Amino acid sequence: MGVRGLKSFMTSQHALVKKYSLHDTKLVIDASNLYYFIQLESVISNEYGGDYHVFADKVKSFFGLLRKCGISPYLVFNGRQQSDQRLDLNIYKARRDLHAVQKITKGETEKFVPELGSETFKHIIVEIGIPFVVGDFNVKKNIAMLANEWKCPVLSSDSDFFMFCIEGGFVLLEQLNFPIETIQNERTGRTITSLYCNFYNFKNFTKNFPGLDINMLPLLNGVNSWSDDDQQRLFANFLGNLKQAPADFGIKITARKKCSKMLSLLYWLKNQSSVSEAIGNVTQFIANEERDRAIKIMQDTVNCYKESESSFNMKKYFETGQFEFSVNATNMLTANGNPLPQWFLKSSKSGNVSRFCLEVLHQQSLVLYSQVENLEWESSHACSRHIRQVIYGILILHDMDKLPASKQSVEEYDRNGINIEKCEVKPIFELNNFGRLPALNDIFTSSLDIRKQVLLSALGVSTQFLETFPTELKLVAATIVYWVKNSTPEIQKLMVSCLVACILYLWAKVFRQHSPQ
């Protein structure tokens, strides 16, 4: 979530953030952050769940500008989430999104990320040939390590990157200056097309705060994070007792009164000899019954910024297209210690497996985010619960040998009216007209016919029914049948007719124009 006040502090200081001409370079991009940035900062209507074609045009335009400047983007998406603390954060985000949906349904304007936005984003970058990969659970660390291997900048709007020692620097998304500019190099005579931006390098920071160990900065995210209200309350007493930084602390820092809180935090950090000492000093201001929780939050936060072995060689993947997995990486195992199949790891890292599968394998929990819909009705996610139960069955079968019966369910957090509530969802291990489901290990070796049978049995559709449909529309037809059977409230004939008319129009326009005459 980032450190409260850190971004505004850094960007307000000319001694810390410099003007920079960005061109002819590799650029490692925080992909999930970019997706949210384009979606939230663009003028896109969300009243009806999102204008995906408008979003797609903005994504294409963004990468078109980078290419004109000779910038080679490499996108790294978030991998699976980690820890109970992260689950709490996701629930907090789900409540925030539900609050936004409430406003939108009342006709108010509110920033909101639609359900299929991330899939649209991935489809577009595949279409225009932008290389991407899905990182580990600590994707920011992956991004920083990759950028240091290439000695190139990182692009994101997440203030967490101020706390990494990135040799090639950190560029804030919101401070990219559009449109691009073309200038002539006076020395070489070469014409350069570039994007101007504000550029941060940790070396400028250390020059302005001599004696402050930059490796201590992650503690800021532990004690002063943009987290939920409860965590802010936990550290409020500590923050309220910070001493004011002396006037000579921070060599070229300006507007000191406005920055007093951040300067006080940095001055406190400078006077800590180690992370463990700092954590001990913070806990003196925490109630006894909450100290263990506070210590865990701070330790988990610091660990997120430490260099550690990645599950695979990301640089090699981008340069060769080949995955080289580390044998010892913990995120190659389920929560119960079973190794994940190589085909599954490759598919998940290349973005072909939904991230929710990783959440279930590692934590057996899933947070479902609200869509723009009638909040008096059942959550739209309820319609697809049966499909998720089938997927849960396949995933949990992979762990059955180490999983007690009491743990054979998945915690789903979904909307119930205007509240986010937890529900224990039981997996399905057998399907009518198919029998026992294959486990994750068996999927890859199963024949195409077996896999089709699993899919159609889950959707409740027979192969005979689909024989009359063109190949391109078989899955669409099966999905419509499932929707009609499982939707609450019941689907009306007019709704199906409208949907079919739209699908036929798109099929004729998109598929037919690429088919041989």
Protein backbone atom coordinates (compact mmCIF):
# COMPACT_ATOMS: atom_id res chain seq x y z
CA MET A 1 0.00 0.00 0.00
CA GLY A 2 2.99 2.32 0.39
CA VAL A 3 4.12 4.71 3.14
CA ARG A 4 1.84 7.59 4.08
CA GLY A 5 3.36 10.86 3.00
CA LEU A 6 6.51 9.37 1.44
CA LYS A 7 5.59 10.01 -2.19
CA SER A 8 4.58 13.63 -1.61
CA PHE A 9 7.74 14.19 0.44
CA MET A 10 10.07 12.73 -2.22
CA THR A 11 8.43 14.48 -5.16
CA SER A 12 8.43 17.85 -3.41
CA GLN A 13 12.21 17.82 -2.98
CA HIS A 14 14.30 18.86 -5.99
CA ALA A 15 17.36 17.45 -4.28
CA LEU A 16 15.83 13.95 -4.28
CA VAL A 17 13.93 13.81 -7.59
CA LYS A 18 15.56 15.09 -10.78
CA LYS A 19 14.22 15.88 -14.24
CA TYR A 20 15.16 13.17 -16.71
CA SER A 21 14.85 12.42 -20.42
CA LEU A 22 13.63 8.83 -20.82
CA HIS A 23 14.53 7.18 -24.15
CA ASP A 24 16.37 4.26 -25.76
CA THR A 25 16.39 2.02 -22.70
CA LYS A 26 14.91 -1.09 -21.19
CA LEU A 27 12.18 -0.26 -18.69
CA VAL A 28 10.86 -2.69 -16.06
CA ILE A 29 7.22 -1.88 -15.36
CA ASP A 30 5.10 -2.75 -12.33
CA ALA A 31 2.34 -4.18 -14.56
CA SER A 32 -0.46 -4.48 -12.01
CA ASN A 33 0.22 -0.92 -10.90
CA LEU A 34 0.21 0.35 -14.51
CA TYR A 35 -3.09 -1.39 -15.17
CA TYR A 36 -4.71 0.30 -12.18
CA PHE A 37 -3.13 3.63 -13.07
CA ILE A 38 -4.48 3.66 -16.65
CA GLN A 39 -7.88 2.44 -15.48
CA LEU A 40 -8.26 4.92 -12.62
CA GLU A 41 -6.58 7.99 -14.11
CA SER A 42 -8.34 7.82 -17.48
CA VAL A 43 -11.79 9.15 -18.24
CA ILE A 44 -13.56 5.80 -18.56
CA SER A 45 -17.23 5.25 -17.81
CA ASN A 46 -17.95 2.59 -15.19
CA GLU A 47 -21.74 2.87 -14.87
CA TYR A 48 -22.26 -0.33 -16.82
CA GLY A 49 -19.27 -2.31 -15.63
CA GLY A 50 -16.55 -0.64 -17.72
CA ASP A 51 -15.96 0.54 -21.30
CA TYR A 52 -13.31 -2.00 -22.25
CA HIS A 53 -12.77 -0.71 -25.79
CA VAL A 54 -11.90 2.76 -24.45
CA PHE A 55 -9.51 1.20 -21.93
CA ALA A 56 -7.92 -0.93 -24.67
CA ASP A 57 -7.27 2.16 -26.82
CA LYS A 58 -5.58 3.93 -23.91
CA VAL A 59 -3.32 0.92 -23.24
CA LYS A 60 -2.29 0.77 -26.90
CA SER A 61 -1.64 4.52 -26.93
CA PHE A 62 0.59 4.31 -23.84
CA PHE A 63 2.83 1.58 -25.26
CA GLY A 64 2.87 3.30 -28.65
CA LEU A 65 4.47 6.36 -27.02
CA LEU A 66 7.11 4.20 -25.33
CA ARG A 67 8.04 2.58 -28.63
CA LYS A 68 8.39 5.97 -30.34
CA CYS A 69 10.99 6.83 -27.67
CA GLY A 70 12.94 3.61 -28.21
CA ILE A 71 11.87 2.32 -24.80
CA SER A 72 11.61 -1.47 -24.47
CA PRO A 73 9.01 -2.26 -21.77
CA TYR A 74 9.09 -5.47 -19.70
CA LEU A 75 6.01 -6.01 -17.57
CA VAL A 76 5.96 -7.93 -14.27
CA PHE A 77 2.55 -8.77 -12.78
CA ASN A 78 1.76 -9.56 -9.16
CA GLY A 79 1.99 -13.23 -8.29
CA ARG A 80 0.12 -14.92 -5.48
CA GLN A 81 -0.47 -13.02 -2.28
CA GLN A 82 1.22 -13.96 1.00
CA SER A 83 0.39 -13.99 4.71
CA ASP A 84 -2.70 -13.25 6.77
CA GLN A 85 -1.72 -9.58 6.72
CA ARG A 86 -2.12 -9.55 2.95
CA LEU A 87 -5.49 -11.30 3.21
CA ASP A 88 -6.64 -8.57 5.59
CA LEU A 89 -5.48 -5.97 3.09
CA ASN A 90 -7.40 -7.65 0.24
CA ILE A 91 -10.56 -7.72 2.38
CA TYR A 92 -10.03 -4.02 3.09
CA LYS A 93 -9.75 -3.37 -0.68
CA ALA A 94 -12.91 -5.40 -1.30
CA ARG A 95 -14.82 -3.23 1.18
CA ARG A 96 -13.41 -0.09 -0.45
CA ASP A 97 -14.51 -1.29 -3.91
CA LEU A 98 -17.97 -2.16 -2.61
CA HIS A 99 -18.25 1.37 -1.23
CA ALA A 100 -17.35 2.71 -4.69
CA VAL A 101 -19.99 0.47 -6.30
CA GLN A 102 -22.61 1.82 -3.90
CA LYS A 103 -21.83 5.36 -5.08
CA ILE A 104 -21.84 4.41 -8.77
CA THR A 105 -25.24 2.68 -8.48
CA LYS A 106 -26.61 5.92 -7.00
CA GLY A 107 -25.42 7.87 -10.05
CA GLU A 108 -22.33 9.35 -8.43
CA THR A 109 -18.93 9.50 -10.16
CA GLU A 110 -16.37 7.24 -8.54
CA LYS A 111 -13.07 5.68 -9.60
CA PHE A 112 -13.51 1.94 -9.99
CA VAL A 113 -11.69 -0.99 -11.60
CA PRO A 114 -14.11 -3.31 -13.48
CA GLU A 115 -13.99 -7.09 -13.11
CA LEU A 116 -12.60 -7.94 -16.56
CA GLY A 117 -10.16 -5.05 -16.77
CA SER A 118 -7.06 -7.11 -15.94
CA GLU A 119 -7.93 -9.76 -18.53
CA THR A 120 -8.50 -7.03 -21.13
CA PHE A 121 -5.12 -5.55 -20.26
CA LYS A 122 -3.35 -8.90 -20.75
CA HIS A 123 -5.13 -9.54 -24.05
CA ILE A 124 -4.02 -6.15 -25.38
CA ILE A 125 -0.35 -6.49 -24.40
CA VAL A 126 -0.29 -9.95 -26.01
CA GLU A 127 -1.87 -8.51 -29.14
CA ILE A 128 0.70 -5.71 -29.46
CA GLY A 129 3.66 -7.90 -28.47
CA ILE A 130 4.66 -6.50 -25.07
CA PRO A 131 6.69 -9.09 -23.09
CA PHE A 132 5.36 -9.86 -19.62
CA VAL A 133 5.63 -12.38 -16.82
CA VAL A 134 3.94 -13.08 -13.48
CA GLY A 135 6.33 -12.63 -10.55
CA ASP A 136 6.48 -14.20 -7.10
CA PHE A 137 4.36 -13.07 -4.17
CA ASN A 138 6.79 -10.22 -3.54
CA VAL A 139 6.71 -8.82 -7.05
CA LYS A 140 8.29 -5.48 -6.09
CA LYS A 141 11.45 -7.27 -5.02
CA ASN A 142 11.41 -9.21 -8.32
CA ILE A 143 11.09 -5.95 -10.24
CA ALA A 144 13.92 -4.24 -8.38
CA MET A 145 16.26 -7.22 -8.82
CA LEU A 146 15.52 -7.46 -12.57
CA ALA A 147 16.08 -3.73 -13.08
CA ASN A 148 19.42 -3.95 -11.28
CA GLU A 149 20.51 -6.83 -13.49
CA TRP A 150 19.80 -4.70 -16.56
CA LYS A 151 20.83 -1.42 -14.87
CA CYS A 152 17.65 0.20 -16.15
CA PRO A 153 14.82 2.22 -14.51
CA VAL A 154 11.62 0.95 -12.90
CA LEU A 155 8.24 2.51 -13.74
CA SER A 156 5.44 2.49 -11.15
CA SER A 157 3.33 4.82 -9.03
CA ASP A 158 3.97 2.75 -5.89
CA SER A 159 6.02 4.62 -3.31
CA ASP A 160 7.49 1.31 -2.08
CA PHE A 161 10.10 1.59 -4.85
CA PHE A 162 11.65 4.57 -3.08
CA MET A 163 12.89 2.04 -0.54
CA PHE A 164 14.83 -0.18 -2.97
CA CYS A 165 18.40 0.50 -4.06
CA ILE A 166 17.63 0.54 -7.81
CA GLU A 167 20.80 1.44 -9.73
CA GLY A 168 18.93 2.58 -12.85
CA GLY A 169 16.51 4.74 -10.86
CA PHE A 170 12.78 4.89 -10.26
CA VAL A 171 10.31 6.80 -12.46
CA LEU A 172 6.90 7.75 -11.09
CA LEU A 173 4.05 7.00 -13.48
CA GLU A 174 2.07 10.10 -12.62
CA GLN A 175 5.09 12.28 -13.35
CA LEU A 176 5.69 11.13 -16.91
CA ASN A 177 5.26 14.22 -19.06
CA PHE A 178 3.09 13.67 -22.14
CA PRO A 179 3.26 14.23 -25.06
CA ILE A 180 6.69 13.05 -26.15
CA GLU A 181 9.31 15.56 -27.26
CA THR A 182 11.84 15.45 -30.07
CA ILE A 183 15.18 17.20 -29.58
CA GLN A 184 18.55 17.20 -31.32
CA ASN A 185 21.65 16.27 -29.39
CA GLU A 186 24.05 19.21 -29.82
CA ARG A 187 27.13 17.03 -29.46
CA THR A 188 26.21 14.13 -31.76
CA GLY A 189 23.61 15.76 -33.97
CA ARG A 190 21.31 12.78 -33.34
CA THR A 191 17.56 13.38 -33.10
CA ILE A 192 16.13 11.97 -29.87
CA THR A 193 12.47 11.29 -29.13
CA SER A 194 11.88 11.07 -25.41
CA LEU A 195 9.50 11.29 -22.49
CA TYR A 196 10.42 13.76 -19.77
CA CYS A 197 9.86 12.59 -16.24
CA ASN A 198 10.87 12.96 -12.61
CA PHE A 199 13.59 10.47 -11.78
CA TYR A 200 14.59 9.22 -8.34
CA ASN A 201 17.90 7.56 -7.51
CA PHE A 202 18.68 6.30 -4.00
CA LYS A 203 22.18 7.82 -4.22
CA ASN A 204 20.64 11.31 -4.10
CA PHE A 205 18.80 10.27 -0.97
CA THR A 206 21.91 9.01 0.83
CA LYS A 207 23.76 12.21 -0.08
CA ASN A 208 21.07 14.31 1.57
CA PHE A 209 20.76 12.11 4.66
CA PRO A 210 24.30 11.02 5.51
CA GLY A 211 24.40 8.36 8.19
CA LEU A 212 20.89 7.08 7.45
CA ASP A 213 21.01 3.43 6.34
CA ILE A 214 18.66 3.09 3.36
CA ASN A 215 18.13 -0.56 4.28
CA MET A 216 16.20 0.69 7.34
CA LEU A 217 13.60 2.48 5.20
CA PRO A 218 11.22 -0.53 4.93
CA LEU A 219 10.38 0.00 8.60
CA LEU A 220 8.49 3.11 7.48
CA ASN A 221 6.03 0.85 5.69
CA GLY A 222 5.55 -1.16 8.86
CA VAL A 223 4.72 1.74 11.17
CA ASN A 224 3.25 4.33 8.78
CA SER A 225 1.53 2.41 6.00
CA TRP A 226 -1.55 3.26 3.93
CA SER A 227 -3.12 0.17 5.46
CA ASP A 228 -6.43 -0.46 7.15
CA ASP A 229 -7.59 1.79 9.98
CA ASP A 230 -6.85 -0.83 12.63
CA GLN A 231 -3.16 -1.02 11.71
CA GLN A 232 -2.90 2.76 11.68
CA ARG A 233 -4.42 2.80 15.17
CA LEU A 234 -1.88 0.20 16.33
CA PHE A 235 1.09 2.52 15.65
CA ALA A 236 -0.61 5.85 16.38
CA ASN A 237 0.92 6.20 19.86
CA PHE A 238 4.44 5.62 18.52
CA LEU A 239 3.97 8.16 15.72
CA GLY A 240 2.53 10.67 18.16
CA ASN A 241 5.65 10.53 20.35
CA LEU A 242 8.27 11.10 17.64
CA LYS A 243 10.76 13.88 18.34
CA GLN A 244 11.06 16.71 15.86
CA ALA A 245 14.07 16.46 13.56
CA PRO A 246 16.78 19.14 14.09
CA ALA A 247 17.06 21.96 11.56
CA ASP A 248 20.33 20.64 10.11
CA PHE A 249 18.94 17.14 9.36
CA GLY A 250 18.61 16.72 5.59
CA ILE A 251 21.21 18.77 3.72
CA LYS A 252 19.08 20.32 0.94
CA ILE A 253 15.58 19.59 2.19
CA THR A 254 13.15 22.48 1.68
CA ALA A 255 9.67 23.32 3.07
CA ARG A 256 10.68 21.66 6.32
CA LYS A 257 7.55 22.61 8.25
CA LYS A 258 5.33 20.89 5.71
CA CYS A 259 7.59 17.80 5.78
CA SER A 260 8.07 17.72 9.56
CA LYS A 261 6.37 14.35 10.15
CA MET A 262 8.42 12.53 7.50
CA LEU A 263 11.63 14.22 8.66
CA SER A 264 10.88 13.12 12.23
CA LEU A 265 10.44 9.52 11.07
CA LEU A 266 13.66 9.60 9.07
CA TYR A 267 15.55 11.18 11.97
CA TRP A 268 14.25 8.45 14.29
CA LEU A 269 15.46 5.81 11.81
CA LYS A 270 18.91 7.41 11.60
CA ASN A 271 19.31 6.92 15.34
CA GLN A 272 18.48 3.19 15.28
CA SER A 273 21.51 0.89 15.11
CA SER A 274 19.60 -2.11 13.68
CA VAL A 275 16.17 -3.28 12.57
CA SER A 276 15.76 -5.38 15.71
CA GLU A 277 16.58 -2.40 17.94
CA ALA A 278 14.11 -0.24 16.02
CA ILE A 279 11.32 -2.82 16.37
CA GLY A 280 12.02 -3.07 20.10
CA ASN A 281 11.82 0.69 20.47
CA VAL A 282 8.50 0.86 18.64
CA THR A 283 6.91 -1.84 20.80
CA GLN A 284 7.45 0.31 23.91
CA PHE A 285 4.53 2.38 22.64
CA ILE A 286 2.29 -0.63 21.92
CA ALA A 287 -0.12 -2.18 24.42
CA ASN A 288 1.19 -5.51 25.81
CA GLU A 289 -1.63 -7.58 24.33
CA GLU A 290 -0.92 -6.21 20.82
CA ARG A 291 2.88 -6.30 20.81
CA ASP A 292 3.22 -9.70 19.15
CA ARG A 293 0.98 -8.57 16.30
CA ALA A 294 2.91 -5.31 15.89
CA ILE A 295 6.25 -7.15 15.83
CA LYS A 296 4.97 -9.56 13.17
CA ILE A 297 3.73 -6.69 10.99
CA MET A 298 7.10 -4.93 11.17
CA GLN A 299 9.16 -8.09 10.61
CA ASP A 300 7.00 -9.20 7.67
CA THR A 301 7.30 -5.75 6.11
CA VAL A 302 11.11 -5.65 6.40
CA ASN A 303 11.39 -9.17 4.96
CA CYS A 304 9.45 -8.04 1.87
CA TYR A 305 12.38 -5.80 0.90
CA LYS A 306 15.26 -8.18 1.56
CA GLU A 307 16.94 -9.81 -1.40
CA SER A 308 16.07 -13.47 -1.65
CA GLU A 309 16.06 -16.22 -4.21
CA SER A 310 13.35 -15.90 -6.83
CA SER A 311 11.42 -18.98 -7.94
CA PHE A 312 12.82 -18.54 -11.47
CA ASN A 313 15.37 -16.56 -13.45
CA MET A 314 13.27 -13.66 -14.73
CA LYS A 315 16.06 -12.12 -16.81
CA LYS A 316 16.66 -15.41 -18.60
CA TYR A 317 12.95 -15.81 -19.28
CA PHE A 318 12.69 -12.38 -20.92
CA GLU A 319 15.86 -12.95 -22.96
CA THR A 320 15.25 -16.57 -24.03
CA GLY A 321 11.60 -17.37 -23.32
CA GLN A 322 12.72 -20.30 -21.15
CA PHE A 323 11.81 -20.86 -17.51
CA GLU A 324 14.55 -21.96 -15.13
CA PHE A 325 12.95 -22.72 -11.77
CA SER A 326 14.82 -22.80 -8.49
CA VAL A 327 14.51 -26.09 -6.63
CA ASN A 328 14.47 -24.43 -3.21
CA ALA A 329 11.95 -21.65 -3.84
CA THR A 330 9.13 -21.92 -1.30
CA ASN A 331 6.45 -20.62 -3.65
CA MET A 332 6.91 -23.72 -5.81
CA LEU A 333 5.14 -25.60 -3.01
CA THR A 334 1.58 -25.54 -1.76
CA ALA A 335 0.83 -24.42 1.79
CA ASN A 336 0.95 -28.09 2.79
CA GLY A 337 4.37 -28.73 1.23
CA ASN A 338 3.39 -30.49 -2.00
CA PRO A 339 5.42 -29.49 -5.07
CA LEU A 340 3.52 -27.84 -7.90
CA PRO A 341 3.78 -29.45 -11.36
CA GLN A 342 6.21 -27.82 -13.78
CA TRP A 343 3.51 -27.30 -16.42
CA PHE A 344 1.38 -25.45 -13.87
CA LEU A 345 4.29 -23.25 -12.77
CA LYS A 346 5.12 -22.35 -16.36
CA SER A 347 1.47 -21.62 -17.18
CA SER A 348 0.98 -19.47 -14.08
CA LYS A 349 4.18 -17.48 -14.65
CA SER A 350 3.30 -16.86 -18.30
CA GLY A 351 -0.13 -15.57 -17.28
CA ASN A 352 -2.21 -18.49 -18.54
CA VAL A 353 -3.52 -19.55 -15.12
CA SER A 354 -5.76 -17.29 -13.06
CA ARG A 355 -4.09 -15.98 -9.93
CA PHE A 356 -6.99 -17.17 -7.81
CA CYS A 357 -5.76 -20.75 -8.37
CA LEU A 358 -2.50 -19.82 -6.64
CA GLU A 359 -4.41 -18.19 -3.78
CA VAL A 360 -6.37 -21.39 -3.22
CA LEU A 361 -3.29 -23.63 -3.41
CA HIS A 362 -1.27 -21.52 -1.02
CA GLN A 363 -3.87 -20.16 1.38
CA GLN A 364 -7.21 -21.81 0.61
CA SER A 365 -8.87 -18.40 0.61
CA LEU A 366 -10.19 -16.10 -2.09
CA VAL A 367 -11.42 -12.50 -1.99
CA LEU A 368 -14.06 -11.76 -4.65
CA TYR A 369 -14.32 -8.11 -5.62
CA SER A 370 -17.66 -6.44 -6.25
CA GLN A 371 -18.99 -5.47 -9.66
CA VAL A 372 -21.36 -2.69 -10.64
CA GLU A 373 -24.71 -4.40 -10.08
CA ASN A 374 -27.96 -4.24 -8.16
CA LEU A 375 -26.76 -4.56 -4.58
CA GLU A 376 -30.16 -5.79 -3.43
CA TRP A 377 -29.67 -8.97 -5.47
CA GLU A 378 -27.32 -11.85 -4.80
CA SER A 379 -23.68 -11.25 -5.70
CA SER A 380 -23.00 -11.95 -9.38
CA HIS A 381 -20.13 -14.21 -8.25
CA ALA A 382 -22.74 -16.62 -6.88
CA CYS A 383 -23.65 -17.65 -10.43
CA SER A 384 -20.17 -19.07 -11.07
CA ARG A 385 -19.75 -20.69 -7.65
CA HIS A 386 -20.30 -24.19 -9.06
CA ILE A 387 -17.46 -23.66 -11.57
CA ARG A 388 -15.17 -22.46 -8.80
CA GLN A 389 -16.10 -25.51 -6.70
CA VAL A 390 -14.99 -27.77 -9.55
CA ILE A 391 -11.70 -25.88 -9.82
CA TYR A 392 -11.27 -26.07 -6.04
CA GLY A 393 -11.79 -29.83 -6.27
CA ILE A 394 -9.00 -30.22 -8.84
CA LEU A 395 -6.66 -28.00 -6.80
CA ILE A 396 -7.41 -29.57 -3.42
CA LEU A 397 -7.07 -33.10 -4.81
CA HIS A 398 -3.43 -32.13 -5.38
CA ASP A 399 -3.06 -31.66 -1.61
CA MET A 400 -5.41 -34.37 -0.31
CA ASP A 401 -2.65 -36.60 1.10
CA LYS A 402 -1.61 -33.86 3.55
CA LEU A 403 -4.94 -32.16 4.10
CA PRO A 404 -7.26 -33.15 6.99
CA ALA A 405 -10.98 -33.40 6.23
CA SER A 406 -11.66 -30.30 8.33
CA LYS A 407 -9.48 -28.24 5.98
CA GLN A 408 -11.05 -29.43 2.72
CA SER A 409 -12.86 -26.18 1.94
CA VAL A 410 -12.05 -22.70 0.66
CA GLU A 411 -12.78 -19.44 2.48
CA GLU A 412 -14.51 -17.09 0.05
CA TYR A 413 -15.02 -13.43 0.90
CA ASP A 414 -17.89 -12.06 -1.16
CA ARG A 415 -20.56 -9.41 -1.09
CA ASN A 416 -23.74 -10.12 0.88
CA GLY A 417 -25.89 -7.06 0.37
CA ILE A 418 -23.62 -4.15 1.24
CA ASN A 419 -21.24 -6.16 3.44
CA ILE A 420 -18.23 -8.37 2.70
CA GLU A 421 -18.72 -11.72 4.43
CA LYS A 422 -16.80 -14.98 4.73
CA CYS A 423 -18.31 -18.24 3.48
CA GLU A 424 -16.85 -21.77 3.63
CA VAL A 425 -17.19 -23.25 0.13
CA LYS A 426 -16.86 -27.01 -0.29
CA PRO A 427 -14.99 -28.30 -3.35
CA ILE A 428 -16.57 -30.73 -5.79
CA PHE A 429 -14.55 -33.89 -6.42
CA GLU A 430 -17.00 -35.75 -8.71
CA LEU A 431 -19.19 -34.63 -11.61
CA ASN A 432 -22.29 -36.21 -13.10
CA ASN A 433 -21.63 -37.80 -16.50
CA PHE A 434 -17.89 -37.80 -15.77
CA GLY A 435 -17.02 -39.25 -12.37
CA ARG A 436 -13.99 -38.49 -10.19
CA LEU A 437 -12.17 -35.32 -11.22
CA PRO A 438 -8.50 -35.50 -12.19
CA ALA A 439 -6.01 -33.94 -9.77
CA LEU A 440 -3.72 -31.12 -10.82
CA ASN A 441 -0.89 -33.55 -11.55
CA ASP A 442 -3.12 -35.48 -13.96
CA ILE A 443 -4.51 -32.58 -15.98
CA PHE A 444 -1.47 -32.13 -18.21
CA THR A 445 -1.25 -35.82 -19.13
CA SER A 446 -5.00 -36.19 -19.70
CA SER A 447 -6.17 -36.29 -23.31
CA LEU A 448 -7.89 -33.31 -24.90
CA ASP A 449 -11.16 -35.28 -24.94
CA ILE A 450 -10.95 -35.87 -21.17
CA ARG A 451 -10.31 -32.21 -20.49
CA LYS A 452 -13.25 -31.22 -22.71
CA GLN A 453 -15.48 -33.65 -20.81
CA VAL A 454 -14.48 -32.06 -17.49
CA LEU A 455 -15.25 -28.59 -18.84
CA LEU A 456 -18.61 -29.49 -20.39
CA SER A 457 -19.66 -31.54 -17.36
CA ALA A 458 -18.88 -28.56 -15.12
CA LEU A 459 -20.98 -26.33 -17.38
CA GLY A 460 -23.76 -28.90 -17.61
CA VAL A 461 -23.72 -29.13 -21.42
CA SER A 462 -23.49 -32.19 -23.68
CA THR A 463 -21.25 -32.57 -26.73
CA GLN A 464 -24.33 -33.41 -28.81
CA PHE A 465 -25.88 -30.03 -28.03
CA LEU A 466 -22.74 -28.22 -29.22
CA GLU A 467 -22.41 -30.08 -32.52
CA THR A 468 -24.64 -27.57 -34.30
CA PHE A 469 -22.44 -24.58 -33.34
CA PRO A 470 -19.34 -23.32 -35.19
CA THR A 471 -16.05 -24.13 -33.46
CA GLU A 472 -15.52 -20.51 -32.41
CA LEU A 473 -18.91 -20.34 -30.68
CA LYS A 474 -19.06 -23.70 -28.88
CA LEU A 475 -17.63 -22.44 -25.59
CA VAL A 476 -19.73 -19.26 -25.83
CA ALA A 477 -22.89 -21.34 -26.30
CA ALA A 478 -22.00 -23.62 -23.38
CA THR A 479 -21.39 -20.60 -21.16
CA ILE A 480 -24.76 -19.06 -22.04
CA VAL A 481 -26.50 -22.32 -21.15
CA TYR A 482 -24.73 -22.39 -17.78
CA TRP A 483 -25.63 -18.75 -17.15
CA VAL A 484 -29.31 -19.31 -17.90
CA LYS A 485 -29.43 -22.36 -15.60
CA ASN A 486 -27.61 -20.82 -12.64
CA SER A 487 -28.43 -17.11 -12.59
CA THR A 488 -30.35 -15.52 -9.74
CA PRO A 489 -32.71 -13.80 -10.44
CA GLU A 490 -33.82 -15.87 -13.42
CA ILE A 491 -32.70 -14.83 -16.89
CA GLN A 492 -35.40 -13.40 -19.18
CA LYS A 493 -35.71 -14.39 -22.83
CA LEU A 494 -35.07 -10.82 -23.98
CA MET A 495 -31.73 -10.77 -22.13
CA VAL A 496 -30.56 -13.92 -23.93
CA SER A 497 -31.72 -12.54 -27.28
CA CYS A 498 -29.75 -9.32 -26.78
CA LEU A 499 -26.63 -11.21 -25.72
CA VAL A 500 -26.82 -13.59 -28.70
CA ALA A 501 -27.33 -10.68 -31.11
CA CYS A 502 -24.19 -8.94 -29.75
CA ILE A 503 -22.15 -12.14 -29.94
CA LEU A 504 -23.21 -12.86 -33.53
CA TYR A 505 -22.33 -9.30 -34.54
CA LEU A 506 -18.88 -9.51 -32.95
CA TRP A 507 -18.30 -12.98 -34.38
CA ALA A 508 -19.16 -11.80 -37.88
CA LYS A 509 -16.98 -8.70 -37.49
CA VAL A 510 -13.93 -10.23 -35.79
CA PHE A 511 -13.75 -13.91 -36.65
CA ARG A 512 -15.10 -13.84 -40.17
CA GLN A 513 -12.78 -11.07 -41.37
CA HIS A 514 -9.77 -13.26 -40.47
CA SER A 515 -11.19 -16.42 -42.05
CA PRO A 516 -10.17 -17.53 -45.56
CA GLN A 517 -12.80 -16.68 -48.19
